[in-house]
Each structure stands twice: as structure tokens, then as C-alpha cells.
N, C-alpha and C. Protein backbone atom coordinates (compact mmCIF):
# COMPACT_ATOMS: atom_id res chain seq x y z
N MET A 1 20.25 11.28 13.21
CA MET A 1 19.28 12.21 13.07
C MET A 1 18.01 11.72 12.44
N GLU A 2 16.74 12.15 13.19
CA GLU A 2 15.57 11.64 12.45
C GLU A 2 15.10 12.55 11.36
N ASN A 3 14.58 11.90 10.37
CA ASN A 3 13.90 12.63 9.21
C ASN A 3 12.52 12.37 9.09
N THR A 4 11.73 13.48 8.92
CA THR A 4 10.31 13.34 8.96
C THR A 4 9.79 14.14 7.69
N ARG A 5 8.66 13.48 7.20
CA ARG A 5 8.01 14.06 5.92
C ARG A 5 6.40 13.76 6.18
N THR A 6 5.69 14.79 5.88
CA THR A 6 4.27 14.54 5.85
C THR A 6 3.68 14.94 4.36
N ALA A 7 2.85 14.05 3.97
CA ALA A 7 2.13 14.18 2.51
C ALA A 7 0.68 14.10 2.73
N VAL A 8 0.01 14.99 1.86
CA VAL A 8 -1.44 14.82 1.89
C VAL A 8 -1.88 14.59 0.36
N TRP A 9 -2.68 13.65 0.18
CA TRP A 9 -3.06 13.15 -1.12
C TRP A 9 -4.66 13.36 -1.13
N ALA A 10 -5.19 13.90 -2.33
CA ALA A 10 -6.55 14.11 -2.44
C ALA A 10 -7.16 13.01 -3.41
N TRP A 11 -8.28 12.44 -2.93
CA TRP A 11 -8.91 11.52 -3.93
C TRP A 11 -9.53 12.31 -5.15
N LEU A 12 -9.31 11.74 -6.34
CA LEU A 12 -9.79 12.25 -7.60
C LEU A 12 -11.12 11.89 -7.97
N GLU A 13 -11.68 10.62 -7.65
CA GLU A 13 -12.99 10.16 -8.06
C GLU A 13 -14.02 10.57 -7.02
N GLN A 14 -13.61 11.01 -5.87
CA GLN A 14 -14.65 11.01 -4.80
C GLN A 14 -14.06 12.06 -3.84
N PRO A 15 -14.90 12.61 -2.79
CA PRO A 15 -14.28 13.46 -1.85
C PRO A 15 -13.45 12.53 -0.91
N GLY A 16 -12.30 13.12 -0.51
CA GLY A 16 -11.45 12.35 0.47
C GLY A 16 -10.13 12.90 0.45
N LEU A 17 -9.49 12.61 1.59
CA LEU A 17 -8.07 12.96 1.76
C LEU A 17 -7.37 11.91 2.71
N ASP A 18 -6.08 11.74 2.29
CA ASP A 18 -5.09 10.92 2.99
C ASP A 18 -3.94 11.59 3.42
N VAL A 19 -3.60 11.50 4.71
CA VAL A 19 -2.61 12.20 5.32
C VAL A 19 -1.66 11.41 5.92
N ALA A 20 -0.32 11.28 5.50
CA ALA A 20 0.66 10.35 6.15
C ALA A 20 1.88 11.03 6.46
N THR A 21 2.45 10.71 7.74
CA THR A 21 3.75 11.21 8.12
C THR A 21 4.79 9.98 8.15
N VAL A 22 5.82 10.37 7.58
CA VAL A 22 6.99 9.33 7.49
C VAL A 22 7.89 9.75 8.48
N ARG A 23 8.45 8.88 9.27
CA ARG A 23 9.53 9.11 10.10
C ARG A 23 10.72 8.12 10.10
N GLU A 24 11.85 8.58 9.79
CA GLU A 24 13.03 7.65 9.59
C GLU A 24 14.05 7.87 10.67
N ASP A 25 14.43 7.11 11.57
CA ASP A 25 15.38 7.38 12.65
C ASP A 25 16.72 7.25 12.02
N GLU A 26 17.87 7.47 13.06
CA GLU A 26 19.19 7.52 12.64
C GLU A 26 19.61 6.12 12.26
N ARG A 27 18.80 5.19 12.67
CA ARG A 27 19.30 3.73 12.14
C ARG A 27 18.52 3.32 10.84
N GLY A 28 17.90 4.12 10.27
CA GLY A 28 17.09 3.79 9.03
C GLY A 28 15.84 3.25 9.19
N ARG A 29 15.34 2.89 10.23
CA ARG A 29 14.07 2.27 10.52
C ARG A 29 13.02 3.23 10.36
N ILE A 30 11.80 2.75 9.66
CA ILE A 30 10.81 3.89 9.25
C ILE A 30 9.40 3.31 10.02
N VAL A 31 8.82 4.43 10.36
CA VAL A 31 7.41 4.37 11.01
C VAL A 31 6.65 5.42 10.21
N VAL A 32 5.40 4.75 9.75
CA VAL A 32 4.56 5.71 8.98
C VAL A 32 3.17 5.65 9.83
N SER A 33 2.66 6.91 10.13
CA SER A 33 1.34 7.04 10.67
C SER A 33 0.48 7.77 9.63
N GLY A 34 -0.85 7.27 9.29
CA GLY A 34 -1.60 7.82 8.31
C GLY A 34 -3.06 7.89 8.71
N HIS A 35 -3.75 8.80 8.35
CA HIS A 35 -5.26 8.85 8.45
C HIS A 35 -6.07 9.22 7.13
N MET A 36 -6.83 8.28 6.56
CA MET A 36 -7.55 8.76 5.43
C MET A 36 -9.09 8.66 5.71
N VAL A 37 -9.80 9.57 5.21
CA VAL A 37 -11.21 9.80 5.30
C VAL A 37 -11.76 10.07 3.73
N THR A 38 -12.72 9.24 3.49
CA THR A 38 -13.40 9.26 2.17
C THR A 38 -14.77 9.07 2.22
N ALA A 39 -15.47 9.45 0.99
CA ALA A 39 -16.91 9.14 0.97
C ALA A 39 -16.93 7.60 0.42
N TRP A 40 -17.86 6.89 0.89
CA TRP A 40 -17.70 5.43 0.59
C TRP A 40 -19.38 5.18 0.38
N ASP A 41 -19.88 4.97 -0.84
CA ASP A 41 -21.22 4.61 -1.05
C ASP A 41 -22.18 5.60 -0.04
N GLN A 42 -21.97 6.84 -0.29
CA GLN A 42 -22.72 7.80 0.35
C GLN A 42 -22.68 7.77 1.91
N ARG A 43 -21.43 7.14 2.51
CA ARG A 43 -21.17 7.02 3.91
C ARG A 43 -19.82 7.51 4.02
N VAL A 44 -19.29 7.86 5.29
CA VAL A 44 -17.97 8.30 5.57
C VAL A 44 -17.29 6.99 6.11
N LEU A 45 -16.12 6.84 5.41
CA LEU A 45 -15.26 5.63 5.89
C LEU A 45 -13.96 6.49 6.30
N GLU A 46 -13.55 5.99 7.56
CA GLU A 46 -12.31 6.49 8.03
C GLU A 46 -11.18 5.10 8.06
N LEU A 47 -9.95 5.46 7.55
CA LEU A 47 -8.84 4.41 7.91
C LEU A 47 -7.85 5.07 8.67
N THR A 48 -7.43 4.45 9.75
CA THR A 48 -6.20 4.97 10.56
C THR A 48 -5.08 3.78 10.28
N TYR A 49 -3.95 4.10 10.03
CA TYR A 49 -2.94 3.08 9.79
C TYR A 49 -1.60 3.55 10.40
N ARG A 50 -0.84 2.58 10.78
CA ARG A 50 0.59 2.74 11.33
C ARG A 50 1.38 1.47 10.78
N LEU A 51 2.54 1.77 10.05
CA LEU A 51 3.26 0.61 9.60
C LEU A 51 4.74 0.97 10.04
N SER A 52 5.48 -0.15 10.05
CA SER A 52 6.88 -0.09 10.52
C SER A 52 7.68 -0.93 9.49
N CYS A 53 8.74 -0.28 9.18
CA CYS A 53 9.75 -1.07 8.18
C CYS A 53 11.13 -0.99 8.77
N ASP A 54 11.90 -1.96 8.53
CA ASP A 54 13.37 -2.08 8.62
C ASP A 54 13.98 -1.24 7.63
N PRO A 55 15.27 -0.79 7.97
CA PRO A 55 15.88 -0.04 6.81
C PRO A 55 15.83 -0.66 5.47
N GLY A 56 15.69 0.05 4.65
CA GLY A 56 15.34 -0.14 3.25
C GLY A 56 14.04 -0.43 2.85
N TRP A 57 13.02 -0.03 3.62
CA TRP A 57 11.82 -0.22 3.43
C TRP A 57 11.15 -1.61 3.37
N VAL A 58 11.92 -2.54 4.36
CA VAL A 58 11.50 -3.98 4.29
C VAL A 58 10.31 -3.86 5.38
N PHE A 59 9.17 -4.22 4.87
CA PHE A 59 7.84 -4.27 5.72
C PHE A 59 8.07 -5.12 7.02
N ARG A 60 7.38 -4.85 8.09
CA ARG A 60 7.39 -5.70 9.33
C ARG A 60 6.00 -5.60 9.93
N ARG A 61 5.29 -4.50 10.13
CA ARG A 61 4.00 -4.61 10.86
C ARG A 61 3.11 -3.49 10.46
N LEU A 62 1.91 -3.80 10.33
CA LEU A 62 0.73 -2.87 10.09
C LEU A 62 -0.15 -2.94 11.19
N SER A 63 -0.67 -1.94 11.65
CA SER A 63 -1.84 -1.74 12.51
C SER A 63 -2.87 -0.81 11.99
N ALA A 64 -3.96 -1.31 11.72
CA ALA A 64 -5.03 -0.64 10.78
C ALA A 64 -6.36 -0.63 11.42
N GLN A 65 -7.20 0.58 11.52
CA GLN A 65 -8.44 0.38 12.04
C GLN A 65 -9.40 1.13 10.96
N VAL A 66 -10.49 0.58 10.74
CA VAL A 66 -11.32 1.19 9.77
C VAL A 66 -12.82 1.42 10.54
N LYS A 67 -13.38 2.86 10.50
CA LYS A 67 -14.70 2.96 10.98
C LYS A 67 -15.68 3.18 9.76
N LEU A 68 -16.76 2.53 9.90
CA LEU A 68 -17.87 2.86 8.89
C LEU A 68 -19.12 2.17 9.47
N ASP A 69 -20.16 3.13 9.36
CA ASP A 69 -21.46 2.98 9.90
C ASP A 69 -21.47 2.59 11.34
N GLY A 70 -20.47 3.31 12.07
CA GLY A 70 -20.38 3.05 13.45
C GLY A 70 -19.66 1.77 13.96
N ARG A 71 -19.17 0.97 12.95
CA ARG A 71 -18.54 -0.21 13.26
C ARG A 71 -16.97 0.04 13.02
N LEU A 72 -16.53 -0.67 14.11
CA LEU A 72 -14.83 -0.64 13.95
C LEU A 72 -14.28 -1.98 13.56
N ARG A 73 -13.57 -1.77 12.50
CA ARG A 73 -12.79 -3.22 12.03
C ARG A 73 -11.25 -2.98 12.34
N GLU A 74 -10.53 -3.91 12.61
CA GLU A 74 -9.20 -3.85 13.19
C GLU A 74 -8.25 -4.91 12.41
N LEU A 75 -7.04 -4.68 12.00
CA LEU A 75 -6.04 -5.60 11.54
C LEU A 75 -4.77 -5.31 12.11
N ASP A 76 -4.16 -6.47 12.45
CA ASP A 76 -2.83 -6.45 13.03
C ASP A 76 -2.08 -7.38 12.07
N LEU A 77 -1.31 -6.88 11.17
CA LEU A 77 -0.68 -7.71 10.15
C LEU A 77 0.98 -7.57 10.48
N ARG A 78 1.59 -8.80 10.34
CA ARG A 78 3.17 -8.88 10.78
C ARG A 78 3.78 -9.81 9.79
N HIS A 79 4.99 -9.43 9.56
CA HIS A 79 5.94 -10.34 8.76
C HIS A 79 7.22 -10.33 9.24
N ASP A 80 7.84 -11.39 9.64
CA ASP A 80 9.07 -11.55 10.27
C ASP A 80 10.22 -11.91 9.18
N GLY A 81 9.99 -11.91 8.06
CA GLY A 81 10.96 -12.30 6.99
C GLY A 81 10.73 -13.88 6.79
N GLU A 82 10.03 -14.51 7.61
CA GLU A 82 9.82 -15.96 7.36
C GLU A 82 8.51 -16.14 6.95
N GLY A 83 7.50 -15.63 7.83
CA GLY A 83 6.16 -15.95 7.76
C GLY A 83 5.33 -14.75 8.06
N TRP A 84 3.95 -14.84 7.77
CA TRP A 84 2.93 -13.85 8.10
C TRP A 84 2.05 -14.07 9.10
N LEU A 85 1.70 -13.13 9.92
CA LEU A 85 0.51 -13.31 10.63
C LEU A 85 -0.60 -12.29 10.50
N ALA A 86 -1.76 -12.70 10.50
CA ALA A 86 -2.77 -11.51 10.46
C ALA A 86 -3.74 -11.87 11.49
N ASN A 87 -3.85 -10.87 12.31
CA ASN A 87 -4.64 -11.05 13.78
C ASN A 87 -4.30 -12.30 14.21
N GLY A 88 -3.19 -12.50 14.33
CA GLY A 88 -2.58 -13.87 15.05
C GLY A 88 -2.66 -15.13 14.29
N VAL A 89 -3.25 -15.11 13.07
CA VAL A 89 -3.34 -16.27 12.40
C VAL A 89 -2.40 -16.47 11.33
N VAL A 90 -1.77 -17.62 11.26
CA VAL A 90 -0.71 -17.86 10.17
C VAL A 90 -1.22 -17.86 8.81
N ARG A 91 -0.53 -17.01 7.97
CA ARG A 91 -1.07 -16.82 6.58
C ARG A 91 -0.13 -17.50 5.46
N THR A 92 -0.17 -18.79 5.53
CA THR A 92 0.79 -19.47 4.44
C THR A 92 0.58 -19.11 2.98
N ASP A 93 -0.58 -18.38 2.62
CA ASP A 93 -0.98 -17.96 1.30
C ASP A 93 -0.20 -16.74 1.04
N LEU A 94 0.37 -16.06 2.06
CA LEU A 94 1.28 -14.88 1.76
C LEU A 94 2.72 -15.12 1.57
N VAL A 95 3.07 -16.31 1.55
CA VAL A 95 4.58 -16.70 1.79
C VAL A 95 5.37 -15.98 0.72
N ALA A 96 4.83 -15.71 -0.48
CA ALA A 96 5.66 -15.22 -1.58
C ALA A 96 5.64 -13.48 -1.26
N ALA A 97 4.86 -13.03 -0.51
CA ALA A 97 4.86 -11.54 -0.31
C ALA A 97 5.92 -11.03 0.59
N VAL A 98 6.41 -9.72 0.12
CA VAL A 98 7.39 -9.05 0.98
C VAL A 98 6.75 -7.75 1.56
N ASP A 99 6.03 -7.12 0.58
CA ASP A 99 5.53 -5.92 0.60
C ASP A 99 4.03 -5.87 0.84
N ILE A 100 3.45 -4.82 1.37
CA ILE A 100 2.00 -4.70 1.50
C ILE A 100 1.53 -3.67 0.56
N ASP A 101 -0.01 -3.56 0.35
CA ASP A 101 -0.44 -2.81 -0.48
C ASP A 101 -1.79 -2.35 0.24
N ILE A 102 -2.03 -1.34 0.64
CA ILE A 102 -3.38 -0.84 1.42
C ILE A 102 -4.32 -0.24 0.20
N MET A 103 -5.50 -0.65 0.20
CA MET A 103 -6.42 0.01 -0.67
C MET A 103 -6.63 1.41 -0.77
N GLY A 104 -6.52 2.01 0.63
CA GLY A 104 -6.80 3.30 0.78
C GLY A 104 -5.87 4.34 0.80
N THR A 105 -4.70 3.89 0.28
CA THR A 105 -3.55 4.88 0.51
C THR A 105 -2.47 4.76 -0.73
N PRO A 106 -1.91 5.74 -1.36
CA PRO A 106 -0.94 5.59 -2.11
C PRO A 106 0.45 5.50 -1.51
N LEU A 107 0.59 5.59 -0.19
CA LEU A 107 1.64 5.53 0.61
C LEU A 107 2.52 4.31 0.29
N THR A 108 1.71 3.11 0.30
CA THR A 108 2.36 1.64 0.24
C THR A 108 2.88 1.44 -1.09
N ASN A 109 2.58 2.26 -2.10
CA ASN A 109 3.46 2.07 -3.37
C ASN A 109 4.89 2.46 -3.10
N THR A 110 5.13 3.11 -1.99
CA THR A 110 6.58 3.55 -1.86
C THR A 110 7.41 2.37 -1.42
N LEU A 111 6.81 1.40 -0.72
CA LEU A 111 7.62 0.25 -0.24
C LEU A 111 8.35 -0.48 -1.50
N PRO A 112 7.85 -1.01 -2.49
CA PRO A 112 8.58 -1.77 -3.47
C PRO A 112 9.56 -0.69 -4.22
N ILE A 113 9.17 0.46 -4.37
CA ILE A 113 10.00 1.52 -5.04
C ILE A 113 11.16 1.88 -4.48
N ARG A 114 11.01 1.94 -2.99
CA ARG A 114 12.26 2.33 -2.22
C ARG A 114 12.96 1.04 -1.85
N ARG A 115 12.45 -0.07 -1.79
CA ARG A 115 13.19 -1.40 -1.46
C ARG A 115 14.14 -1.99 -2.65
N VAL A 116 13.62 -1.64 -3.88
CA VAL A 116 14.40 -2.44 -4.86
C VAL A 116 15.30 -1.39 -5.79
N PRO A 117 16.44 -1.74 -6.03
CA PRO A 117 17.10 -0.79 -6.84
C PRO A 117 16.61 -0.78 -8.26
N TRP A 118 16.54 0.46 -8.87
CA TRP A 118 15.99 0.63 -10.21
C TRP A 118 16.97 1.24 -11.18
N THR A 119 16.84 0.55 -12.60
CA THR A 119 17.41 1.43 -13.67
C THR A 119 16.46 1.65 -14.55
N LEU A 120 16.58 2.61 -15.49
CA LEU A 120 15.39 2.99 -16.52
C LEU A 120 15.12 1.59 -17.31
N GLY A 121 13.75 1.25 -17.41
CA GLY A 121 13.20 0.26 -18.09
C GLY A 121 13.20 -1.18 -17.39
N ALA A 122 13.85 -1.19 -16.16
CA ALA A 122 13.85 -2.38 -15.38
C ALA A 122 12.34 -2.54 -15.01
N SER A 123 11.93 -3.83 -14.95
CA SER A 123 10.65 -4.34 -14.60
C SER A 123 10.78 -5.49 -13.54
N HIS A 124 9.93 -5.40 -12.54
CA HIS A 124 10.04 -6.26 -11.41
C HIS A 124 8.59 -6.79 -11.07
N PRO A 125 8.27 -8.09 -10.89
CA PRO A 125 7.15 -8.45 -10.53
C PRO A 125 7.11 -8.68 -8.87
N PHE A 126 5.99 -8.38 -8.27
CA PHE A 126 5.88 -8.61 -6.84
C PHE A 126 4.56 -9.31 -6.57
N THR A 127 4.56 -10.09 -5.43
CA THR A 127 3.27 -10.37 -4.69
C THR A 127 3.11 -9.57 -3.40
N MET A 128 1.92 -8.95 -3.45
CA MET A 128 1.78 -8.00 -2.40
C MET A 128 0.77 -8.67 -1.32
N ALA A 129 0.94 -8.41 -0.11
CA ALA A 129 -0.12 -8.72 0.87
C ALA A 129 -1.24 -7.37 0.79
N TYR A 130 -2.24 -7.72 -0.07
CA TYR A 130 -3.18 -6.52 -0.30
C TYR A 130 -4.18 -6.45 0.79
N VAL A 131 -4.31 -5.36 1.10
CA VAL A 131 -5.39 -5.08 2.44
C VAL A 131 -6.57 -4.23 1.78
N GLN A 132 -7.71 -4.92 1.67
CA GLN A 132 -8.92 -4.34 0.92
C GLN A 132 -9.82 -3.67 1.95
N LEU A 133 -10.42 -2.60 1.37
CA LEU A 133 -11.43 -1.89 2.40
C LEU A 133 -12.73 -2.27 1.93
N PRO A 134 -13.74 -2.06 2.89
CA PRO A 134 -13.66 -1.76 4.14
C PRO A 134 -13.42 -2.88 5.05
N ASP A 135 -13.24 -4.13 4.84
CA ASP A 135 -13.25 -5.23 5.79
C ASP A 135 -11.91 -5.73 6.16
N LEU A 136 -11.01 -4.89 5.72
CA LEU A 136 -9.48 -5.18 6.13
C LEU A 136 -9.20 -6.60 5.76
N ILE A 137 -9.58 -7.27 4.60
CA ILE A 137 -9.30 -8.52 4.27
C ILE A 137 -7.88 -8.48 3.59
N VAL A 138 -7.13 -9.49 3.85
CA VAL A 138 -5.82 -9.54 3.34
C VAL A 138 -5.73 -10.71 2.47
N ALA A 139 -5.23 -10.61 1.21
CA ALA A 139 -4.93 -11.61 0.20
C ALA A 139 -3.85 -11.27 -0.61
N PRO A 140 -3.13 -12.39 -1.19
CA PRO A 140 -2.09 -12.16 -2.13
C PRO A 140 -2.56 -11.71 -3.60
N VAL A 141 -1.97 -10.44 -4.04
CA VAL A 141 -2.13 -9.95 -5.23
C VAL A 141 -0.85 -9.61 -5.94
N ARG A 142 -0.92 -10.23 -7.24
CA ARG A 142 0.44 -9.98 -8.09
C ARG A 142 0.40 -8.72 -8.76
N GLN A 143 1.57 -8.05 -8.71
CA GLN A 143 1.71 -6.65 -9.34
C GLN A 143 3.07 -6.69 -10.11
N ARG A 144 3.24 -5.54 -11.05
CA ARG A 144 4.42 -5.46 -11.61
C ARG A 144 4.60 -3.95 -11.69
N TYR A 145 5.97 -3.58 -11.49
CA TYR A 145 6.35 -2.12 -11.67
C TYR A 145 7.41 -2.02 -12.69
N THR A 146 7.37 -1.08 -13.48
CA THR A 146 8.32 -0.98 -14.61
C THR A 146 8.88 0.50 -14.70
N ALA A 147 10.11 0.78 -14.62
CA ALA A 147 10.68 2.03 -14.37
C ALA A 147 10.58 2.63 -15.80
N LEU A 148 9.83 3.63 -16.14
CA LEU A 148 9.60 4.41 -17.27
C LEU A 148 10.98 5.24 -17.60
N PRO A 149 11.26 5.71 -18.96
CA PRO A 149 12.29 6.47 -19.18
C PRO A 149 12.23 7.96 -18.54
N ALA A 150 11.07 8.35 -18.41
CA ALA A 150 10.92 9.67 -17.75
C ALA A 150 11.24 9.46 -16.28
N SER A 151 12.00 10.34 -15.59
CA SER A 151 12.54 10.22 -14.24
C SER A 151 11.29 10.26 -13.30
N GLY A 152 11.33 9.39 -12.40
CA GLY A 152 10.14 9.51 -11.30
C GLY A 152 8.98 8.85 -11.85
N ARG A 153 8.90 8.09 -13.08
CA ARG A 153 7.71 7.65 -13.13
C ARG A 153 7.86 6.06 -13.47
N PHE A 154 6.73 5.35 -13.12
CA PHE A 154 6.53 3.92 -13.17
C PHE A 154 5.30 3.60 -13.68
N LEU A 155 5.35 2.41 -14.53
CA LEU A 155 3.95 1.80 -14.90
C LEU A 155 3.66 0.77 -13.82
N PHE A 156 2.56 0.84 -13.38
CA PHE A 156 2.08 -0.15 -12.48
C PHE A 156 0.93 -1.03 -12.89
N GLU A 157 1.13 -2.22 -12.68
CA GLU A 157 0.11 -3.24 -13.23
C GLU A 157 -0.07 -4.23 -12.34
N THR A 158 -1.60 -4.78 -12.28
CA THR A 158 -1.79 -6.05 -11.67
C THR A 158 -1.70 -7.22 -12.74
N LEU A 159 -1.34 -8.20 -12.14
CA LEU A 159 -1.05 -9.45 -12.93
C LEU A 159 -2.24 -10.54 -12.61
N PRO A 160 -2.35 -11.55 -13.46
CA PRO A 160 -3.28 -12.58 -13.28
C PRO A 160 -2.87 -13.38 -11.83
N SER A 161 -3.97 -13.61 -11.13
CA SER A 161 -3.65 -14.28 -9.94
C SER A 161 -3.43 -15.82 -10.30
N THR A 162 -2.62 -16.33 -9.12
CA THR A 162 -2.38 -17.82 -9.36
C THR A 162 -3.29 -18.39 -8.19
N PRO A 163 -3.79 -19.71 -8.58
CA PRO A 163 -4.64 -20.21 -7.60
C PRO A 163 -4.15 -20.42 -6.15
N GLY A 164 -4.91 -20.10 -5.15
CA GLY A 164 -4.32 -20.36 -3.80
C GLY A 164 -5.06 -21.31 -3.20
N PRO A 165 -4.89 -21.56 -1.77
CA PRO A 165 -5.69 -22.51 -1.12
C PRO A 165 -7.07 -22.22 -1.03
N ALA A 166 -7.80 -23.32 -0.91
CA ALA A 166 -9.26 -23.31 -0.98
C ALA A 166 -9.75 -22.29 -0.04
N ASP A 167 -9.06 -22.11 1.18
CA ASP A 167 -9.70 -21.35 2.24
C ASP A 167 -9.10 -20.03 2.31
N SER A 168 -8.37 -19.56 1.33
CA SER A 168 -7.53 -18.23 1.26
C SER A 168 -8.75 -17.22 0.79
N PRO A 169 -8.66 -16.02 1.51
CA PRO A 169 -9.74 -15.00 1.20
C PRO A 169 -9.65 -14.66 -0.35
N GLN A 170 -10.93 -14.38 -0.98
CA GLN A 170 -11.00 -14.00 -2.19
C GLN A 170 -11.38 -12.67 -2.45
N LEU A 171 -10.77 -11.91 -3.43
CA LEU A 171 -10.99 -10.40 -3.45
C LEU A 171 -11.76 -10.21 -5.09
N PRO A 172 -12.72 -9.16 -5.03
CA PRO A 172 -13.20 -8.92 -6.31
C PRO A 172 -12.33 -8.13 -7.20
N GLY A 173 -11.22 -8.42 -7.29
CA GLY A 173 -10.25 -7.56 -8.23
C GLY A 173 -9.48 -6.44 -7.44
N TYR A 174 -8.48 -5.91 -8.09
CA TYR A 174 -7.72 -4.92 -7.40
C TYR A 174 -8.55 -3.66 -7.56
N HIS A 175 -8.82 -3.00 -6.35
CA HIS A 175 -9.76 -1.83 -6.40
C HIS A 175 -11.12 -2.21 -6.91
N GLY A 176 -11.41 -3.41 -6.79
CA GLY A 176 -12.72 -3.87 -7.51
C GLY A 176 -12.56 -3.91 -9.04
N VAL A 177 -11.42 -3.82 -9.70
CA VAL A 177 -11.17 -3.90 -10.95
C VAL A 177 -10.74 -5.19 -11.29
N ASN A 178 -10.99 -6.15 -12.35
CA ASN A 178 -10.52 -7.26 -12.60
C ASN A 178 -8.99 -7.09 -12.98
N ASP A 179 -8.34 -8.26 -13.00
CA ASP A 179 -6.91 -8.35 -13.45
C ASP A 179 -6.65 -7.35 -14.62
N GLY A 180 -5.66 -6.98 -14.73
CA GLY A 180 -5.31 -5.95 -15.92
C GLY A 180 -5.29 -4.68 -15.55
N PHE A 181 -5.36 -4.17 -14.36
CA PHE A 181 -5.63 -2.73 -13.96
C PHE A 181 -4.00 -2.13 -14.34
N GLN A 182 -4.09 -0.94 -14.89
CA GLN A 182 -2.69 -0.24 -15.24
C GLN A 182 -2.88 1.29 -14.72
N ALA A 183 -1.76 1.82 -14.20
CA ALA A 183 -1.59 3.14 -13.86
C ALA A 183 -0.02 3.77 -14.15
N GLU A 184 -0.07 4.93 -14.46
CA GLU A 184 1.31 5.43 -14.53
C GLU A 184 1.54 6.29 -13.38
N LEU A 185 2.49 5.95 -12.59
CA LEU A 185 2.71 6.65 -11.21
C LEU A 185 3.87 7.61 -11.46
N GLU A 186 3.62 8.74 -10.88
CA GLU A 186 4.59 9.84 -10.59
C GLU A 186 5.06 9.92 -9.23
N VAL A 187 6.40 9.68 -8.92
CA VAL A 187 6.87 9.83 -7.68
C VAL A 187 8.02 10.80 -7.48
N ASP A 188 8.20 11.29 -6.25
CA ASP A 188 9.33 12.24 -6.10
C ASP A 188 10.66 11.50 -5.74
N ALA A 189 11.70 12.30 -5.31
CA ALA A 189 12.92 11.79 -4.96
C ALA A 189 12.83 10.66 -3.94
N ASP A 190 11.97 10.88 -3.08
CA ASP A 190 11.92 10.00 -1.83
C ASP A 190 10.96 8.84 -2.05
N GLY A 191 10.40 8.68 -3.35
CA GLY A 191 9.58 7.60 -3.66
C GLY A 191 8.07 7.74 -3.31
N LEU A 192 7.77 8.84 -2.80
CA LEU A 192 6.36 9.20 -2.41
C LEU A 192 5.50 9.61 -3.56
N VAL A 193 4.26 8.98 -3.77
CA VAL A 193 3.59 9.22 -4.84
C VAL A 193 3.24 10.80 -5.10
N VAL A 194 3.40 11.27 -6.10
CA VAL A 194 2.81 12.64 -6.46
C VAL A 194 1.50 12.54 -7.31
N SER A 195 1.46 11.60 -8.16
CA SER A 195 0.31 11.54 -9.04
C SER A 195 0.05 9.85 -9.23
N TYR A 196 -1.25 9.43 -8.97
CA TYR A 196 -1.68 8.06 -9.24
C TYR A 196 -2.99 8.13 -9.95
N PRO A 197 -3.17 8.33 -11.01
CA PRO A 197 -4.44 8.43 -11.68
C PRO A 197 -5.11 6.97 -11.89
N PRO A 198 -6.40 6.69 -11.72
CA PRO A 198 -7.39 7.86 -11.46
C PRO A 198 -7.73 7.94 -10.18
N TYR A 199 -6.98 7.75 -9.21
CA TYR A 199 -7.32 7.71 -7.73
C TYR A 199 -7.01 8.89 -6.99
N TRP A 200 -5.39 9.11 -7.04
CA TRP A 200 -5.05 10.19 -6.12
C TRP A 200 -4.02 11.28 -6.83
N ARG A 201 -3.96 12.37 -6.01
CA ARG A 201 -3.01 13.38 -6.51
C ARG A 201 -2.38 14.07 -5.34
N ARG A 202 -1.20 14.30 -5.14
CA ARG A 202 -0.75 14.90 -3.85
C ARG A 202 -0.97 16.27 -3.87
N SER A 203 -1.52 16.88 -2.75
CA SER A 203 -1.80 18.26 -2.91
C SER A 203 -1.03 19.02 -1.91
N ALA A 204 -0.23 18.49 -1.03
CA ALA A 204 0.65 19.08 -0.15
C ALA A 204 1.69 18.22 0.24
N SER A 205 2.86 18.82 0.58
CA SER A 205 3.90 17.88 1.18
C SER A 205 5.03 18.68 1.95
N ALA A 206 5.49 18.21 3.13
CA ALA A 206 6.39 19.15 3.91
C ALA A 206 7.37 18.29 4.64
């Protein structure tokens, strides 16, 4: 039997909404369809994304499009468990990554939270294939999640980057913030974000 949930998040720092629908089929395979619209330097930015995961929230593919100033940018990102392809180009710099993190939505925080078994106080480092807006540049970013004593709460941190190949994309820090970003996330029983200060707050779920 298929399970479906839809969640709406409001941006806290600027006008904007992110709406995502999560569908899980009878085999546990997951497809997420989302649409985010926000103010971006006094312009309107639209992000449309569709990602698929194997059972257990193991990422396999992302199709994303960004519209800004009448220009369309597109990304096709794939991971087969052995290697990564971004728009058909092999990405050896992402070899340590399993999950993705899209800058414009808290939905992708669900992937490591659902994929890894957690106990209170447990802490796990991850390398993420981080998708930056508005250019849909993908680069490895190191993060850490720690399960806090309060139920449904995680400390989220970015970690110092390790040097990569000279031709790997360079990002100006996570969300434009230098290494050392921290946030305390609140999630529900399905691992979907309820609160992610200072960026998002869920305003509806069904």
C-alpha cells in the first residue's frame, strides 16, 4: 500500500514557501516531488525538484530545475552506490557521499536521519553532495548530526572541508556561511523537519 505525505515549510528570513510530497510504495521505494519559491536578492527564484530513494532512504537520483531572471538551470544528479554522475559527468570528488543536501529545502535533511539508526547521544559524520542555489553547483560538504536527549531533536553542524581535486567546484560556505554552521533541528516521527532555525518552520503537514 502506498503512503503519501505532503509538507509545507515557510522561510523565516525572507518571503518564501517550500512544498514537498513524499510517496513511499509497497516496496519501500521513495519518490519526493517538491516546489520552492522564495525572494532572492529582490528577485523571484523557483526551485522544482524530484528525487528518488531506495528503501531505507538511500539516495539514487535528483532532477532539479531553477528559474531566476528568466533563465532556466537544470541538474540531473545520480548515484548508483558506486559512483556519481552530475549532468552525465563522472564526479570522483563525491565518492565519499551517500546523501544529498539541497540548499533550498529542509526535505533533504530527512535522508540521513531516516537512513541511519539512531540512539540518544549518537553522533555521525556525513559527506553530502551539496546542491547550491541558484546555479545548482554540486560539491562535497562534510556535516555531522547528533541525536539530542530531547525526542525528535538533532544538532546539525558543518565540518571543515578536506582538500579536493583542483578542478572540483568551490562553494562559498554552507548557505553562504563559513565552516562552523550549527542548527538544532526538530523532526517528527517520519523524520520530516518541523523546525530548522534560522531558515525554516513547517507551517502545514498532511
